[in-house]
Structure formats: C-alpha cells, structure tokens
PDB file of N, CA and C in Angstrom:
ATOM      1  N   MET A   1     -45.083  -5.149  91.624  1.00  0.00           N
ATOM      2  CA  MET A   1     -45.980  -4.024  91.699  1.00  0.00           C
ATOM      3  C   MET A   1     -45.870  -3.190  90.422  1.00  0.00           C
ATOM      4  N   LYS A   2     -46.995  -2.733  89.947  1.00  0.00           N
ATOM      5  CA  LYS A   2     -47.077  -1.960  88.714  1.00  0.00           C
ATOM      6  C   LYS A   2     -46.384  -0.600  88.871  1.00  0.00           C
ATOM      7  N   ALA A   3     -45.593  -0.220  87.880  1.00  0.00           N
ATOM      8  CA  ALA A   3     -44.874   1.055  87.908  1.00  0.00           C
ATOM      9  C   ALA A   3     -45.802   2.206  87.547  1.00  0.00           C
ATOM     10  N   LYS A   4     -45.483   3.366  88.101  1.00  0.00           N
ATOM     11  CA  LYS A   4     -46.204   4.590  87.769  1.00  0.00           C
ATOM     12  C   LYS A   4     -45.710   5.080  86.413  1.00  0.00           C
ATOM     13  N   LYS A   5     -46.623   5.613  85.605  1.00  0.00           N
ATOM     14  CA  LYS A   5     -46.292   6.050  84.244  1.00  0.00           C
ATOM     15  C   LYS A   5     -46.284   7.573  84.165  1.00  0.00           C
ATOM     16  N   LEU A   6     -45.191   8.124  83.637  1.00  0.00           N
ATOM     17  CA  LEU A   6     -45.075   9.550  83.346  1.00  0.00           C
ATOM     18  C   LEU A   6     -44.824   9.679  81.846  1.00  0.00           C
ATOM     19  N   ILE A   7     -45.540  10.574  81.192  1.00  0.00           N
ATOM     20  CA  ILE A   7     -45.420  10.715  79.739  1.00  0.00           C
ATOM     21  C   ILE A   7     -44.930  12.117  79.396  1.00  0.00           C
ATOM     22  N   SER A   8     -43.864  12.185  78.603  1.00  0.00           N
ATOM     23  CA  SER A   8     -43.317  13.483  78.197  1.00  0.00           C
ATOM     24  C   SER A   8     -44.258  14.193  77.227  1.00  0.00           C
ATOM     25  N   THR A   9     -44.085  15.489  77.133  1.00  0.00           N
ATOM     26  CA  THR A   9     -44.852  16.294  76.178  1.00  0.00           C
ATOM     27  C   THR A   9     -44.568  15.813  74.760  1.00  0.00           C
ATOM     28  N   PHE A  10     -43.326  15.453  74.509  1.00  0.00           N
ATOM     29  CA  PHE A  10     -42.921  14.959  73.193  1.00  0.00           C
ATOM     30  C   PHE A  10     -43.694  13.682  72.839  1.00  0.00           C
ATOM     31  N   ALA A  11     -43.814  12.757  73.796  1.00  0.00           N
ATOM     32  CA  ALA A  11     -44.534  11.502  73.560  1.00  0.00           C
ATOM     33  C   ALA A  11     -46.025  11.755  73.353  1.00  0.00           C
ATOM     34  N   LYS A  12     -46.587  12.683  74.112  1.00  0.00           N
ATOM     35  CA  LYS A  12     -48.006  13.025  73.934  1.00  0.00           C
ATOM     36  C   LYS A  12     -48.258  13.574  72.534  1.00  0.00           C
ATOM     37  N   SER A  13     -47.320  14.378  72.063  1.00  0.00           N
ATOM     38  CA  SER A  13     -47.420  14.925  70.707  1.00  0.00           C
ATOM     39  C   SER A  13     -47.316  13.809  69.666  1.00  0.00           C
ATOM     40  N   ASP A  14     -46.388  12.869  69.881  1.00  0.00           N
ATOM     41  CA  ASP A  14     -46.254  11.709  68.983  1.00  0.00           C
ATOM     42  C   ASP A  14     -47.574  10.946  68.896  1.00  0.00           C
ATOM     43  N   LEU A  15     -48.181  10.684  70.042  1.00  0.00           N
ATOM     44  CA  LEU A  15     -49.441   9.932  70.089  1.00  0.00           C
ATOM     45  C   LEU A  15     -50.555  10.669  69.358  1.00  0.00           C
ATOM     46  N   SER A  16     -50.655  11.948  69.616  1.00  0.00           N
ATOM     47  CA  SER A  16     -51.694  12.758  68.986  1.00  0.00           C
ATOM     48  C   SER A  16     -51.522  12.807  67.469  1.00  0.00           C
ATOM     49  N   ASP A  17     -50.300  13.058  67.023  1.00  0.00           N
ATOM     50  CA  ASP A  17     -50.021  13.133  65.582  1.00  0.00           C
ATOM     51  C   ASP A  17     -50.313  11.806  64.887  1.00  0.00           C
ATOM     52  N   ALA A  18     -49.854  10.719  65.477  1.00  0.00           N
ATOM     53  CA  ALA A  18     -50.058   9.400  64.864  1.00  0.00           C
ATOM     54  C   ALA A  18     -51.538   9.030  64.845  1.00  0.00           C
ATOM     55  N   SER A  19     -52.228   9.289  65.928  1.00  0.00           N
ATOM     56  CA  SER A  19     -53.653   8.979  65.998  1.00  0.00           C
ATOM     57  C   SER A  19     -54.430   9.755  64.933  1.00  0.00           C
ATOM     58  N   ARG A  20     -54.115  11.028  64.801  1.00  0.00           N
ATOM     59  CA  ARG A  20     -54.778  11.865  63.795  1.00  0.00           C
ATOM     60  C   ARG A  20     -54.489  11.334  62.384  1.00  0.00           C
ATOM     61  N   TRP A  21     -53.234  10.971  62.126  1.00  0.00           N
ATOM     62  CA  TRP A  21     -52.871  10.461  60.797  1.00  0.00           C
ATOM     63  C   TRP A  21     -53.631   9.177  60.489  1.00  0.00           C
ATOM     64  N   TYR A  22     -53.668   8.231  61.452  1.00  0.00           N
ATOM     65  CA  TYR A  22     -54.379   6.970  61.226  1.00  0.00           C
ATOM     66  C   TYR A  22     -55.875   7.203  61.026  1.00  0.00           C
ATOM     67  N   GLU A  23     -56.428   8.144  61.749  1.00  0.00           N
ATOM     68  CA  GLU A  23     -57.858   8.435  61.615  1.00  0.00           C
ATOM     69  C   GLU A  23     -58.165   8.996  60.229  1.00  0.00           C
ATOM     70  N   GLN A  24     -57.234   9.764  59.679  1.00  0.00           N
ATOM     71  CA  GLN A  24     -57.406  10.297  58.323  1.00  0.00           C
ATOM     72  C   GLN A  24     -57.343   9.184  57.282  1.00  0.00           C
ATOM     73  N   GLN A  25     -56.593   8.137  57.566  1.00  0.00           N
ATOM     74  CA  GLN A  25     -56.462   7.024  56.629  1.00  0.00           C
ATOM     75  C   GLN A  25     -57.723   6.171  56.614  1.00  0.00           C
ATOM     76  N   GLN A  26     -58.300   5.958  57.794  1.00  0.00           N
ATOM     77  CA  GLN A  26     -59.506   5.128  57.905  1.00  0.00           C
ATOM     78  C   GLN A  26     -60.239   5.475  59.201  1.00  0.00           C
ATOM     79  N   LYS A  27     -61.519   5.725  59.090  1.00  0.00           N
ATOM     80  CA  LYS A  27     -62.327   6.073  60.265  1.00  0.00           C
ATOM     81  C   LYS A  27     -62.233   4.961  61.315  1.00  0.00           C
ATOM     82  N   GLY A  28     -61.932   5.350  62.539  1.00  0.00           N
ATOM     83  CA  GLY A  28     -61.818   4.403  63.647  1.00  0.00           C
ATOM     84  C   GLY A  28     -60.413   3.860  63.870  1.00  0.00           C
ATOM     85  N   LEU A  29     -59.531   4.045  62.893  1.00  0.00           N
ATOM     86  CA  LEU A  29     -58.176   3.501  63.016  1.00  0.00           C
ATOM     87  C   LEU A  29     -57.352   4.267  64.049  1.00  0.00           C
ATOM     88  N   GLY A  30     -57.584   5.561  64.175  1.00  0.00           N
ATOM     89  CA  GLY A  30     -56.892   6.351  65.182  1.00  0.00           C
ATOM     90  C   GLY A  30     -57.230   5.873  66.585  1.00  0.00           C
ATOM     91  N   LYS A  31     -58.492   5.529  66.797  1.00  0.00           N
ATOM     92  CA  LYS A  31     -58.908   5.013  68.103  1.00  0.00           C
ATOM     93  C   LYS A  31     -58.275   3.648  68.368  1.00  0.00           C
ATOM     94  N   ARG A  32     -58.213   2.803  67.337  1.00  0.00           N
ATOM     95  CA  ARG A  32     -57.561   1.492  67.492  1.00  0.00           C
ATOM     96  C   ARG A  32     -56.085   1.659  67.854  1.00  0.00           C
ATOM     97  N   PHE A  33     -55.441   2.647  67.228  1.00  0.00           N
ATOM     98  CA  PHE A  33     -54.040   2.934  67.531  1.00  0.00           C
ATOM     99  C   PHE A  33     -53.886   3.313  69.012  1.00  0.00           C
ATOM    100  N   LEU A  34     -54.719   4.237  69.487  1.00  0.00           N
ATOM    101  CA  LEU A  34     -54.628   4.675  70.886  1.00  0.00           C
ATOM    102  C   LEU A  34     -54.924   3.534  71.852  1.00  0.00           C
ATOM    103  N   ASN A  35     -55.865   2.651  71.493  1.00  0.00           N
ATOM    104  CA  ASN A  35     -56.156   1.493  72.343  1.00  0.00           C
ATOM    105  C   ASN A  35     -54.952   0.565  72.439  1.00  0.00           C
ATOM    106  N   GLU A  36     -54.263   0.365  71.313  1.00  0.00           N
ATOM    107  CA  GLU A  36     -53.068  -0.482  71.366  1.00  0.00           C
ATOM    108  C   GLU A  36     -51.982   0.170  72.219  1.00  0.00           C
ATOM    109  N   MET A  37     -51.859   1.479  72.123  1.00  0.00           N
ATOM    110  CA  MET A  37     -50.854   2.173  72.937  1.00  0.00           C
ATOM    111  C   MET A  37     -51.174   2.020  74.429  1.00  0.00           C
ATOM    112  N   LYS A  38     -52.444   2.112  74.798  1.00  0.00           N
ATOM    113  CA  LYS A  38     -52.837   1.919  76.198  1.00  0.00           C
ATOM    114  C   LYS A  38     -52.452   0.526  76.679  1.00  0.00           C
ATOM    115  N   GLU A  39     -52.718  -0.487  75.853  1.00  0.00           N
ATOM    116  CA  GLU A  39     -52.341  -1.863  76.198  1.00  0.00           C
ATOM    117  C   GLU A  39     -50.822  -1.991  76.332  1.00  0.00           C
ATOM    118  N   ALA A  40     -50.101  -1.349  75.432  1.00  0.00           N
ATOM    119  CA  ALA A  40     -48.634  -1.403  75.469  1.00  0.00           C
ATOM    120  C   ALA A  40     -48.103  -0.731  76.736  1.00  0.00           C
ATOM    121  N   PHE A  41     -48.677   0.415  77.104  1.00  0.00           N
ATOM    122  CA  PHE A  41     -48.266   1.095  78.339  1.00  0.00           C
ATOM    123  C   PHE A  41     -48.507   0.196  79.541  1.00  0.00           C
ATOM    124  N   GLU A  42     -49.640  -0.507  79.550  1.00  0.00           N
ATOM    125  CA  GLU A  42     -49.948  -1.437  80.652  1.00  0.00           C
ATOM    126  C   GLU A  42     -48.882  -2.531  80.742  1.00  0.00           C
ATOM    127  N   THR A  43     -48.513  -3.088  79.594  1.00  0.00           N
ATOM    128  CA  THR A  43     -47.493  -4.133  79.554  1.00  0.00           C
ATOM    129  C   THR A  43     -46.179  -3.618  80.134  1.00  0.00           C
ATOM    130  N   VAL A  44     -45.782  -2.437  79.717  1.00  0.00           N
ATOM    131  CA  VAL A  44     -44.533  -1.850  80.196  1.00  0.00           C
ATOM    132  C   VAL A  44     -44.616  -1.566  81.697  1.00  0.00           C
ATOM    133  N   CYS A  45     -45.746  -1.053  82.163  1.00  0.00           N
ATOM    134  CA  CYS A  45     -45.901  -0.739  83.594  1.00  0.00           C
ATOM    135  C   CYS A  45     -45.860  -2.003  84.455  1.00  0.00           C
ATOM    136  N   LYS A  46     -46.380  -3.104  83.932  1.00  0.00           N
ATOM    137  CA  LYS A  46     -46.383  -4.358  84.682  1.00  0.00           C
ATOM    138  C   LYS A  46     -45.003  -5.010  84.742  1.00  0.00           C
ATOM    139  N   ASN A  47     -44.176  -4.767  83.734  1.00  0.00           N
ATOM    140  CA  ASN A  47     -42.852  -5.394  83.672  1.00  0.00           C
ATOM    141  C   ASN A  47     -41.831  -4.394  83.115  1.00  0.00           C
ATOM    142  N   PRO A  48     -41.585  -3.292  83.826  1.00  0.00           N
ATOM    143  CA  PRO A  48     -40.750  -2.224  83.269  1.00  0.00           C
ATOM    144  C   PRO A  48     -39.297  -2.596  83.013  1.00  0.00           C
ATOM    145  N   ALA A  49     -38.751  -3.521  83.777  1.00  0.00           N
ATOM    146  CA  ALA A  49     -37.350  -3.907  83.578  1.00  0.00           C
ATOM    147  C   ALA A  49     -37.227  -5.067  82.596  1.00  0.00           C
ATOM    148  N   GLY A  50     -38.334  -5.516  82.060  1.00  0.00           N
ATOM    149  CA  GLY A  50     -38.346  -6.700  81.208  1.00  0.00           C
ATOM    150  C   GLY A  50     -37.938  -6.485  79.766  1.00  0.00           C
ATOM    151  N   PHE A  51     -37.631  -5.245  79.417  1.00  0.00           N
ATOM    152  CA  PHE A  51     -37.274  -4.964  78.031  1.00  0.00           C
ATOM    153  C   PHE A  51     -35.858  -4.405  77.975  1.00  0.00           C
ATOM    154  N   GLN A  52     -35.178  -4.741  76.920  1.00  0.00           N
ATOM    155  CA  GLN A  52     -33.753  -4.462  76.766  1.00  0.00           C
ATOM    156  C   GLN A  52     -33.457  -2.967  76.680  1.00  0.00           C
ATOM    157  N   ILE A  53     -32.357  -2.552  77.320  1.00  0.00           N
ATOM    158  CA  ILE A  53     -31.862  -1.182  77.161  1.00  0.00           C
ATOM    159  C   ILE A  53     -31.223  -1.111  75.775  1.00  0.00           C
ATOM    160  N   ARG A  54     -31.661  -0.141  74.975  1.00  0.00           N
ATOM    161  CA  ARG A  54     -31.192  -0.033  73.588  1.00  0.00           C
ATOM    162  C   ARG A  54     -30.149   1.062  73.400  1.00  0.00           C
ATOM    163  N   TYR A  55     -30.287   2.173  74.101  1.00  0.00           N
ATOM    164  CA  TYR A  55     -29.328   3.270  74.009  1.00  0.00           C
ATOM    165  C   TYR A  55     -29.450   4.104  75.277  1.00  0.00           C
ATOM    166  N   ASP A  56     -28.359   4.794  75.623  1.00  0.00           N
ATOM    167  CA  ASP A  56     -28.299   5.558  76.870  1.00  0.00           C
ATOM    168  C   ASP A  56     -28.896   4.699  77.982  1.00  0.00           C
ATOM    169  N   ASP A  57     -29.919   5.161  78.639  1.00  0.00           N
ATOM    170  CA  ASP A  57     -30.613   4.388  79.671  1.00  0.00           C
ATOM    171  C   ASP A  57     -32.050   4.134  79.220  1.00  0.00           C
ATOM    172  N   CYS A  58     -32.235   4.071  77.918  1.00  0.00           N
ATOM    173  CA  CYS A  58     -33.570   3.991  77.332  1.00  0.00           C
ATOM    174  C   CYS A  58     -33.881   2.573  76.846  1.00  0.00           C
ATOM    175  N   ARG A  59     -35.062   2.117  77.222  1.00  0.00           N
ATOM    176  CA  ARG A  59     -35.570   0.817  76.782  1.00  0.00           C
ATOM    177  C   ARG A  59     -36.621   1.064  75.704  1.00  0.00           C
ATOM    178  N   ILE A  60     -36.865   0.048  74.882  1.00  0.00           N
ATOM    179  CA  ILE A  60     -37.891   0.183  73.847  1.00  0.00           C
ATOM    180  C   ILE A  60     -38.802  -1.035  73.890  1.00  0.00           C
ATOM    181  N   TYR A  61     -40.091  -0.759  73.912  1.00  0.00           N
ATOM    182  CA  TYR A  61     -41.093  -1.816  73.783  1.00  0.00           C
ATOM    183  C   TYR A  61     -41.747  -1.629  72.422  1.00  0.00           C
ATOM    184  N   PHE A  62     -41.737  -2.664  71.584  1.00  0.00           N
ATOM    185  CA  PHE A  62     -42.338  -2.592  70.264  1.00  0.00           C
ATOM    186  C   PHE A  62     -43.769  -3.139  70.304  1.00  0.00           C
ATOM    187  N   THR A  63     -44.682  -2.359  69.750  1.00  0.00           N
ATOM    188  CA  THR A  63     -46.089  -2.756  69.747  1.00  0.00           C
ATOM    189  C   THR A  63     -46.328  -3.874  68.733  1.00  0.00           C
ATOM    190  N   ARG A  64     -47.463  -4.552  68.889  1.00  0.00           N
ATOM    191  CA  ARG A  64     -47.741  -5.735  68.069  1.00  0.00           C
ATOM    192  C   ARG A  64     -48.375  -5.403  66.719  1.00  0.00           C
ATOM    193  N   VAL A  65     -49.367  -4.541  66.693  1.00  0.00           N
ATOM    194  CA  VAL A  65     -50.124  -4.306  65.460  1.00  0.00           C
ATOM    195  C   VAL A  65     -49.557  -3.140  64.660  1.00  0.00           C
ATOM    196  N   PHE A  66     -49.342  -2.027  65.309  1.00  0.00           N
ATOM    197  CA  PHE A  66     -48.815  -0.849  64.637  1.00  0.00           C
ATOM    198  C   PHE A  66     -47.292  -0.826  64.788  1.00  0.00           C
ATOM    199  N   PRO A  67     -46.574  -0.348  63.775  1.00  0.00           N
ATOM    200  CA  PRO A  67     -45.097  -0.391  63.828  1.00  0.00           C
ATOM    201  C   PRO A  67     -44.498   0.752  64.646  1.00  0.00           C
ATOM    202  N   TYR A  68     -44.668   0.658  65.963  1.00  0.00           N
ATOM    203  CA  TYR A  68     -44.197   1.717  66.862  1.00  0.00           C
ATOM    204  C   TYR A  68     -43.375   1.140  67.995  1.00  0.00           C
ATOM    205  N   GLY A  69     -42.456   1.960  68.474  1.00  0.00           N
ATOM    206  CA  GLY A  69     -41.673   1.611  69.647  1.00  0.00           C
ATOM    207  C   GLY A  69     -41.917   2.649  70.733  1.00  0.00           C
ATOM    208  N   ILE A  70     -42.138   2.177  71.946  1.00  0.00           N
ATOM    209  CA  ILE A  70     -42.286   3.062  73.093  1.00  0.00           C
ATOM    210  C   ILE A  70     -40.909   3.179  73.733  1.00  0.00           C
ATOM    211  N   HIS A  71     -40.335   4.366  73.687  1.00  0.00           N
ATOM    212  CA  HIS A  71     -39.005   4.628  74.226  1.00  0.00           C
ATOM    213  C   HIS A  71     -39.192   5.167  75.640  1.00  0.00           C
ATOM    214  N   TYR A  72     -38.642   4.432  76.612  1.00  0.00           N
ATOM    215  CA  TYR A  72     -38.866   4.833  78.000  1.00  0.00           C
ATOM    216  C   TYR A  72     -37.661   4.537  78.872  1.00  0.00           C
ATOM    217  N   GLN A  73     -37.627   5.224  79.992  1.00  0.00           N
ATOM    218  CA  GLN A  73     -36.621   4.975  81.020  1.00  0.00           C
ATOM    219  C   GLN A  73     -37.346   4.421  82.240  1.00  0.00           C
ATOM    220  N   TYR A  74     -36.714   3.460  82.882  1.00  0.00           N
ATOM    221  CA  TYR A  74     -37.264   2.894  84.107  1.00  0.00           C
ATOM    222  C   TYR A  74     -36.441   3.396  85.281  1.00  0.00           C
ATOM    223  N   ILE A  75     -37.103   4.075  86.208  1.00  0.00           N
ATOM    224  CA  ILE A  75     -36.452   4.574  87.409  1.00  0.00           C
ATOM    225  C   ILE A  75     -36.846   3.617  88.529  1.00  0.00           C
ATOM    226  N   ALA A  76     -35.981   2.632  88.780  1.00  0.00           N
ATOM    227  CA  ALA A  76     -36.304   1.519  89.675  1.00  0.00           C
ATOM    228  C   ALA A  76     -36.556   1.964  91.111  1.00  0.00           C
ATOM    229  N   ASP A  77     -35.748   2.886  91.627  1.00  0.00           N
ATOM    230  CA  ASP A  77     -35.910   3.271  93.030  1.00  0.00           C
ATOM    231  C   ASP A  77     -37.224   4.005  93.296  1.00  0.00           C
ATOM    232  N   LYS A  78     -37.831   4.572  92.262  1.00  0.00           N
ATOM    233  CA  LYS A  78     -39.133   5.234  92.397  1.00  0.00           C
ATOM    234  C   LYS A  78     -40.270   4.386  91.808  1.00  0.00           C
ATOM    235  N   ASN A  79     -39.904   3.270  91.178  1.00  0.00           N
ATOM    236  CA  ASN A  79     -40.844   2.412  90.467  1.00  0.00           C
ATOM    237  C   ASN A  79     -41.698   3.235  89.493  1.00  0.00           C
ATOM    238  N   GLU A  80     -41.002   4.011  88.649  1.00  0.00           N
ATOM    239  CA  GLU A  80     -41.656   4.853  87.657  1.00  0.00           C
ATOM    240  C   GLU A  80     -41.073   4.566  86.276  1.00  0.00           C
ATOM    241  N   ILE A  81     -41.924   4.705  85.287  1.00  0.00           N
ATOM    242  CA  ILE A  81     -41.425   4.710  83.914  1.00  0.00           C
ATOM    243  C   ILE A  81     -41.671   6.103  83.357  1.00  0.00           C
ATOM    244  N   TYR A  82     -40.701   6.573  82.617  1.00  0.00           N
ATOM    245  CA  TYR A  82     -40.801   7.878  81.974  1.00  0.00           C
ATOM    246  C   TYR A  82     -40.795   7.629  80.473  1.00  0.00           C
ATOM    247  N   ILE A  83     -41.935   7.835  79.845  1.00  0.00           N
ATOM    248  CA  ILE A  83     -42.058   7.601  78.405  1.00  0.00           C
ATOM    249  C   ILE A  83     -41.553   8.844  77.692  1.00  0.00           C
ATOM    250  N   LYS A  84     -40.431   8.670  76.998  1.00  0.00           N
ATOM    251  CA  LYS A  84     -39.784   9.775  76.308  1.00  0.00           C
ATOM    252  C   LYS A  84     -40.406  10.041  74.940  1.00  0.00           C
ATOM    253  N   ALA A  85     -40.759   8.954  74.239  1.00  0.00           N
ATOM    254  CA  ALA A  85     -41.280   9.109  72.877  1.00  0.00           C
ATOM    255  C   ALA A  85     -42.029   7.855  72.460  1.00  0.00           C
ATOM    256  N   VAL A  86     -42.889   8.035  71.481  1.00  0.00           N
ATOM    257  CA  VAL A  86     -43.581   6.924  70.824  1.00  0.00           C
ATOM    258  C   VAL A  86     -43.282   7.111  69.339  1.00  0.00           C
ATOM    259  N   PHE A  87     -42.338   6.325  68.838  1.00  0.00           N
ATOM    260  CA  PHE A  87     -41.804   6.515  67.491  1.00  0.00           C
ATOM    261  C   PHE A  87     -42.224   5.401  66.547  1.00  0.00           C
ATOM    262  N   HIS A  88     -42.539   5.805  65.322  1.00  0.00           N
ATOM    263  CA  HIS A  88     -42.707   4.831  64.247  1.00  0.00           C
ATOM    264  C   HIS A  88     -41.348   4.172  64.044  1.00  0.00           C
ATOM    265  N   THR A  89     -41.339   2.903  63.766  1.00  0.00           N
ATOM    266  CA  THR A  89     -40.069   2.170  63.673  1.00  0.00           C
ATOM    267  C   THR A  89     -39.170   2.642  62.531  1.00  0.00           C
ATOM    268  N   SER A  90     -39.710   3.376  61.565  1.00  0.00           N
ATOM    269  CA  SER A  90     -38.869   3.868  60.483  1.00  0.00           C
ATOM    270  C   SER A  90     -38.186   5.188  60.835  1.00  0.00           C
ATOM    271  N   ARG A  91     -38.548   5.804  61.964  1.00  0.00           N
ATOM    272  CA  ARG A  91     -37.943   7.079  62.378  1.00  0.00           C
ATOM    273  C   ARG A  91     -36.651   6.831  63.157  1.00  0.00           C
ATOM    274  N   ASN A  92     -35.772   7.807  63.101  1.00  0.00           N
ATOM    275  CA  ASN A  92     -34.498   7.738  63.801  1.00  0.00           C
ATOM    276  C   ASN A  92     -34.675   8.280  65.226  1.00  0.00           C
ATOM    277  N   PRO A  93     -34.447   7.473  66.271  1.00  0.00           N
ATOM    278  CA  PRO A  93     -34.636   7.956  67.639  1.00  0.00           C
ATOM    279  C   PRO A  93     -33.676   9.071  68.043  1.00  0.00           C
ATOM    280  N   LYS A  94     -32.621   9.290  67.280  1.00  0.00           N
ATOM    281  CA  LYS A  94     -31.664  10.352  67.606  1.00  0.00           C
ATOM    282  C   LYS A  94     -32.292  11.741  67.466  1.00  0.00           C
ATOM    283  N   ILE A  95     -33.397  11.862  66.723  1.00  0.00           N
ATOM    284  CA  ILE A  95     -33.998  13.186  66.543  1.00  0.00           C
ATOM    285  C   ILE A  95     -34.704  13.668  67.805  1.00  0.00           C
ATOM    286  N   MET A  96     -34.934  12.792  68.765  1.00  0.00           N
ATOM    287  CA  MET A  96     -35.619  13.224  69.986  1.00  0.00           C
ATOM    288  C   MET A  96     -34.664  13.799  71.020  1.00  0.00           C
ATOM    289  N   LYS A  97     -33.378  13.712  70.797  1.00  0.00           N
ATOM    290  CA  LYS A  97     -32.396  14.212  71.778  1.00  0.00           C
ATOM    291  C   LYS A  97     -32.204  15.693  71.645  1.00  0.00           C
TER     292      LYS A  97
END
C-alpha cells in the first residue's frame, strides 16, 4: 500500500528555491524539475522502505535527471513518509539539522 506523504516547510522551501533557479536558467526547466520531483515522491511513496538509511533514521532517494536527493524518514507503523529536505547532491545534509 502506498505511503502517505508529509513534506516539511524546509523541503517546500528547497523545492521552491530550486525550481525558481532552474526557471531562471532556462524557461520551462523549473517545471521539468518539479515534475521529476513529483515522480520521485511517487516512487518513494510506493516503496518507502526500499531505500537505504544513510544517517540517523533518514533515507535518501536520488533523482535521475537532476542531481538531487530526497531526504526522508519512513514511519512504518503509520505508513507515512516525512520528507525532511530536497538537497542538491553537492550540499552538506548536516546543515538541515
């Protein structure tokens, strides 16, 4: 069964900032970025325990086209994923703590 998705304010800000930056680089690229993120969220929701725990209790799913990792926690007893951040792979995840 597909997990319920909860997105932190921090992750929403990450998505907005990245989308705006990509749109400034090329018209339509921000929308393509958001579409890939939606697909990535779907993948994670369909198989939330399928990705390796990288630190603390946080798993990371890496997107295919854009160099981003979705940092999330899976709460199995509630069948929920909590998306903590959407980070460019060159950023240090320690800054979100």
